Amino acid sequence: MIFIRSADEISKFSEACQIVKETLNFLKGMIQPGISTLELDLEAESFICSKGAKPGFKGLYGYPATICISIDNEVVHGIPNNRKISEGQIVSIDVGSVYDDYYGDHAKTFMIGNVSEDKINLVENTRKCLEIGIEQVKVGNCIGDIGYAIQNYAESCGYGVVKELVGHGIGKKLHESPEVPNYGEKGQGISLEDGMVLAIEPMVNIGSEAVFQKKDGWTIETKDGLPSAHFEYTIAIKKDKTEIL
């Protein structure tokens, strides 16, 4: 079922998403060489709870932590642990919160210190993929228009677009219908309607699109070992505009 949200519901999404945005900004001030991914996770959990919200990921589907933190060739769903962040890495952090029963979900890839030109270009172009995808989110367009725009831009840069994982509808559950792939055909898929709330999240690899899941049952890595970047916004479709929540 695809839910059409009221203005009141969208305002609740906005509250949850604002907390996620603030959490990412809070972590931005902490993330530096030498800090462990577990330290960042514990700080994120404390921050979210201080805002009167609950971590959106912890315990969901059995996930053990508050944030997903993925480094270099890890695409998504990296589990926080005692490993330390190093100079020159790119670090993707995906965060969710639940506030007044509604989810917020954003992700960002951070560049740590002096990062190679290839990584800088990957991060900047993946962010651009998100922006280009969101430009296609308007009443009357289709899900395929979003994926086509993202895929076309990413592949024009020589990158691989991850196909095994996709964006999604969001609401009182983190993952709802419809799926929002980062690839597709123009004019294909469901029509976008006023009141839909979606999480758009391109995952883009420097090399091949191929990925695999590690033995921890969560972390997704690139098969060729090359870096990957990830950005995500939760957005609401309105009659006259698309709002980043």
Protein backbone atom coordinates (compact mmCIF):
# COMPACT_ATOMS: atom_id res chain seq x y z
CA MET A 1 0.00 0.00 0.00
CA ILE A 2 1.22 3.48 -0.91
CA PHE A 3 0.18 6.08 1.66
CA ILE A 4 -0.88 9.63 0.81
CA ARG A 5 0.01 11.89 3.74
CA SER A 6 -1.88 14.86 5.12
CA ALA A 7 -0.26 18.20 5.86
CA ASP A 8 -0.37 17.32 9.57
CA GLU A 9 1.44 14.05 8.95
CA ILE A 10 4.08 15.75 6.82
CA SER A 11 4.75 18.19 9.66
CA LYS A 12 5.44 15.19 11.91
CA PHE A 13 7.85 13.77 9.33
CA SER A 14 9.55 17.17 9.32
CA GLU A 15 10.15 16.99 13.06
CA ALA A 16 11.72 13.52 12.80
CA CYS A 17 13.83 14.56 9.81
CA GLN A 18 15.02 17.73 11.53
CA ILE A 19 16.35 15.61 14.38
CA VAL A 20 18.20 13.42 11.87
CA LYS A 21 19.66 16.50 10.17
CA GLU A 22 20.81 17.87 13.52
CA THR A 23 22.32 14.48 14.39
CA LEU A 24 24.38 14.46 11.19
CA ASN A 25 25.53 18.03 11.85
CA PHE A 26 26.44 17.02 15.41
CA LEU A 27 28.48 14.06 14.14
CA LYS A 28 30.17 16.28 11.55
CA GLY A 29 31.74 18.21 14.43
CA MET A 30 33.09 14.97 15.93
CA ILE A 31 34.20 12.86 13.00
CA GLN A 32 37.97 13.02 12.65
CA PRO A 33 40.96 10.68 12.49
CA GLY A 34 41.28 8.59 15.63
CA ILE A 35 37.65 8.49 16.72
CA SER A 36 36.02 5.07 16.68
CA THR A 37 32.83 4.29 14.82
CA LEU A 38 31.36 3.00 18.09
CA GLU A 39 32.02 6.35 19.80
CA LEU A 40 30.13 8.09 17.01
CA ASP A 41 27.27 5.63 17.38
CA LEU A 42 26.93 6.15 21.13
CA GLU A 43 27.04 9.93 20.73
CA ALA A 44 24.37 9.77 18.01
CA GLU A 45 22.09 7.68 20.19
CA SER A 46 22.46 10.06 23.12
CA PHE A 47 21.82 13.07 20.89
CA ILE A 48 18.66 11.60 19.32
CA CYS A 49 17.26 10.66 22.71
CA SER A 50 18.02 14.16 24.05
CA LYS A 51 15.62 15.50 21.40
CA GLY A 52 12.77 13.34 22.67
CA ALA A 53 13.05 10.90 19.77
CA LYS A 54 14.11 7.26 19.45
CA PRO A 55 16.85 5.89 17.20
CA GLY A 56 15.11 4.68 14.08
CA PHE A 57 17.46 1.82 13.23
CA LYS A 58 18.39 0.26 16.58
CA GLY A 59 16.66 -3.08 16.96
CA LEU A 60 14.92 -2.80 13.59
CA TYR A 61 15.20 -6.14 11.78
CA GLY A 62 17.70 -7.01 14.53
CA TYR A 63 20.16 -4.23 13.66
CA PRO A 64 22.37 -3.67 16.73
CA ALA A 65 23.22 0.05 16.53
CA THR A 66 21.87 3.59 16.10
CA ILE A 67 23.77 4.55 12.94
CA CYS A 68 24.99 2.68 9.89
CA ILE A 69 28.59 3.76 9.26
CA SER A 70 30.34 2.59 6.10
CA ILE A 71 33.95 3.36 5.20
CA ASP A 72 35.55 3.59 1.73
CA ASN A 73 34.58 0.39 -0.12
CA GLU A 74 31.65 -0.28 2.22
CA VAL A 75 28.45 0.85 0.55
CA VAL A 76 25.88 0.80 3.37
CA HIS A 77 24.89 -0.91 6.64
CA GLY A 78 28.33 -0.93 8.24
CA ILE A 79 28.04 -1.80 11.95
CA PRO A 80 29.79 0.51 14.45
CA ASN A 81 32.63 -1.11 16.38
CA ASN A 82 36.07 -0.26 17.78
CA ARG A 83 37.73 0.52 14.44
CA LYS A 84 39.01 4.06 14.18
CA ILE A 85 38.47 6.60 11.43
CA SER A 86 41.62 7.41 9.43
CA GLU A 87 42.87 10.36 7.40
CA GLY A 88 41.90 10.16 3.72
CA GLN A 89 38.84 7.97 4.17
CA ILE A 90 35.31 8.67 3.06
CA VAL A 91 32.73 7.72 5.67
CA SER A 92 29.02 7.31 4.93
CA ILE A 93 26.64 7.72 7.88
CA ASP A 94 22.97 6.76 7.61
CA VAL A 95 20.73 7.87 10.50
CA GLY A 96 17.07 7.43 11.34
CA SER A 97 14.85 8.74 14.11
CA VAL A 98 11.29 8.12 15.26
CA TYR A 99 9.41 11.12 16.60
CA ASP A 100 5.69 11.06 17.39
CA ASP A 101 5.51 7.65 15.61
CA TYR A 102 6.95 8.94 12.30
CA TYR A 103 10.35 8.16 10.81
CA GLY A 104 13.01 10.49 9.47
CA ASP A 105 15.88 9.10 7.39
CA HIS A 106 18.91 10.87 5.91
CA ALA A 107 22.47 9.87 4.95
CA LYS A 108 25.65 11.71 4.09
CA THR A 109 29.18 10.79 3.04
CA PHE A 110 31.92 12.70 4.89
CA MET A 111 35.46 13.28 3.62
CA ILE A 112 38.11 12.89 6.33
CA GLY A 113 41.07 15.26 6.00
CA ASN A 114 43.09 15.09 2.82
CA VAL A 115 41.07 12.89 0.48
CA SER A 116 42.14 11.75 -2.99
CA GLU A 117 40.75 13.54 -6.02
CA ASP A 118 38.92 10.38 -7.11
CA LYS A 119 37.11 10.21 -3.77
CA ILE A 120 36.29 13.93 -3.80
CA ASN A 121 34.77 13.59 -7.27
CA LEU A 122 32.80 10.50 -6.22
CA VAL A 123 31.33 12.22 -3.16
CA GLU A 124 30.46 15.42 -5.04
CA ASN A 125 28.91 13.55 -7.95
CA THR A 126 26.90 11.24 -5.70
CA ARG A 127 25.48 14.31 -3.97
CA LYS A 128 24.70 15.64 -7.44
CA CYS A 129 22.91 12.37 -8.24
CA LEU A 130 20.64 12.98 -5.25
CA GLU A 131 19.90 16.53 -6.39
CA ILE A 132 19.20 15.41 -9.95
CA GLY A 133 16.92 12.63 -8.72
CA ILE A 134 14.95 15.02 -6.53
CA GLU A 135 14.47 17.38 -9.49
CA GLN A 136 12.35 14.61 -11.05
CA VAL A 137 10.14 14.27 -7.98
CA LYS A 138 6.99 16.12 -8.99
CA VAL A 139 3.31 15.35 -9.35
CA GLY A 140 2.68 13.55 -12.65
CA ASN A 141 6.18 12.15 -13.06
CA CYS A 142 6.95 8.47 -12.47
CA ILE A 143 9.28 6.51 -10.21
CA GLY A 144 11.28 5.59 -13.30
CA ASP A 145 12.02 9.25 -14.01
CA ILE A 146 13.90 9.49 -10.70
CA GLY A 147 15.98 6.37 -11.30
CA TYR A 148 16.72 7.26 -14.92
CA ALA A 149 18.06 10.68 -13.96
CA ILE A 150 20.29 9.27 -11.23
CA GLN A 151 21.60 6.39 -13.34
CA ASN A 152 22.18 8.51 -16.42
CA TYR A 153 24.24 11.08 -14.53
CA ALA A 154 26.24 8.53 -12.50
CA GLU A 155 27.09 6.41 -15.53
CA SER A 156 28.06 9.51 -17.52
CA CYS A 157 30.72 10.03 -14.84
CA GLY A 158 31.94 6.45 -15.34
CA TYR A 159 30.47 5.15 -12.05
CA GLY A 160 28.46 2.06 -11.17
CA VAL A 161 24.99 2.46 -9.63
CA VAL A 162 24.10 -0.09 -6.97
CA LYS A 163 20.94 -1.94 -8.00
CA GLU A 164 20.49 -4.42 -5.14
CA LEU A 165 19.49 -1.61 -2.74
CA VAL A 166 16.95 1.12 -3.40
CA GLY A 167 15.18 4.10 -1.90
CA HIS A 168 11.72 3.69 -0.42
CA GLY A 169 8.51 5.09 0.88
CA ILE A 170 8.60 5.98 4.57
CA GLY A 171 6.06 6.57 7.31
CA LYS A 172 5.25 4.85 10.58
CA LYS A 173 7.53 2.14 9.23
CA LEU A 174 11.03 2.90 7.98
CA HIS A 175 10.51 1.02 4.74
CA GLU A 176 7.17 1.31 2.97
CA SER A 177 5.98 1.15 -0.62
CA PRO A 178 6.97 2.19 -3.18
CA GLU A 179 10.54 1.14 -3.83
CA VAL A 180 12.56 3.96 -5.43
CA PRO A 181 15.40 2.45 -7.51
CA ASN A 182 18.43 4.51 -8.52
CA TYR A 183 18.05 3.21 -12.07
CA GLY A 184 15.13 2.97 -14.44
CA GLU A 185 13.31 4.08 -17.55
CA LYS A 186 11.62 7.41 -18.16
CA GLY A 187 7.85 7.24 -17.81
CA GLN A 188 7.89 3.83 -16.14
CA GLY A 189 6.62 2.79 -12.72
CA ILE A 190 3.96 4.31 -10.50
CA SER A 191 2.90 7.93 -10.91
CA LEU A 192 4.00 10.39 -8.23
CA GLU A 193 1.17 12.01 -6.31
CA ASP A 194 0.62 14.92 -3.96
CA GLY A 195 1.19 13.68 -0.40
CA MET A 196 3.70 10.90 -1.05
CA VAL A 197 6.75 10.82 1.22
CA LEU A 198 9.86 9.11 -0.15
CA ALA A 199 13.46 8.49 0.83
CA ILE A 200 15.70 9.05 -2.20
CA GLU A 201 19.16 7.54 -1.71
CA PRO A 202 21.68 7.01 -4.50
CA MET A 203 24.51 4.58 -3.71
CA VAL A 204 27.28 5.06 -6.27
CA ASN A 205 30.54 3.16 -6.77
CA ILE A 206 33.74 4.42 -8.37
CA GLY A 207 34.06 1.11 -10.20
CA SER A 208 31.67 -1.76 -10.84
CA GLU A 209 28.08 -1.71 -9.61
CA ALA A 210 28.61 -5.21 -8.15
CA VAL A 211 28.35 -5.59 -4.36
CA PHE A 212 28.24 -8.35 -1.77
CA GLN A 213 27.18 -8.78 1.86
CA LYS A 214 29.84 -9.50 4.47
CA LYS A 215 29.62 -12.38 6.92
CA ASP A 216 28.31 -10.04 9.64
CA GLY A 217 24.97 -10.23 7.82
CA TRP A 218 24.72 -6.46 7.36
CA THR A 219 27.66 -4.66 5.75
CA ILE A 220 27.47 -4.27 1.97
CA GLU A 221 30.81 -3.84 0.16
CA THR A 222 31.87 -3.29 -3.44
CA LYS A 223 33.11 -6.49 -5.08
CA ASP A 224 36.07 -4.74 -6.68
CA GLY A 225 37.14 -3.10 -3.41
CA LEU A 226 36.80 0.43 -4.80
CA PRO A 227 35.13 3.27 -2.84
CA SER A 228 31.40 3.95 -2.69
CA ALA A 229 29.38 7.00 -1.59
CA HIS A 230 25.82 7.39 -0.28
CA PHE A 231 23.49 10.35 0.19
CA GLU A 232 19.84 10.31 1.23
CA TYR A 233 17.02 12.79 1.82
CA THR A 234 13.47 12.18 2.94
CA ILE A 235 11.21 14.30 0.76
CA ALA A 236 7.50 15.12 0.56
CA ILE A 237 5.69 15.61 -2.74
CA LYS A 238 3.35 18.59 -2.73
CA LYS A 239 1.14 19.89 -5.49
CA ASP A 240 3.32 22.89 -6.25
CA LYS A 241 6.75 21.79 -5.03
CA THR A 242 8.88 19.03 -3.57
CA GLU A 243 9.98 19.62 0.01
CA ILE A 244 13.17 18.22 1.52
CA LEU A 245 12.08 17.38 5.04
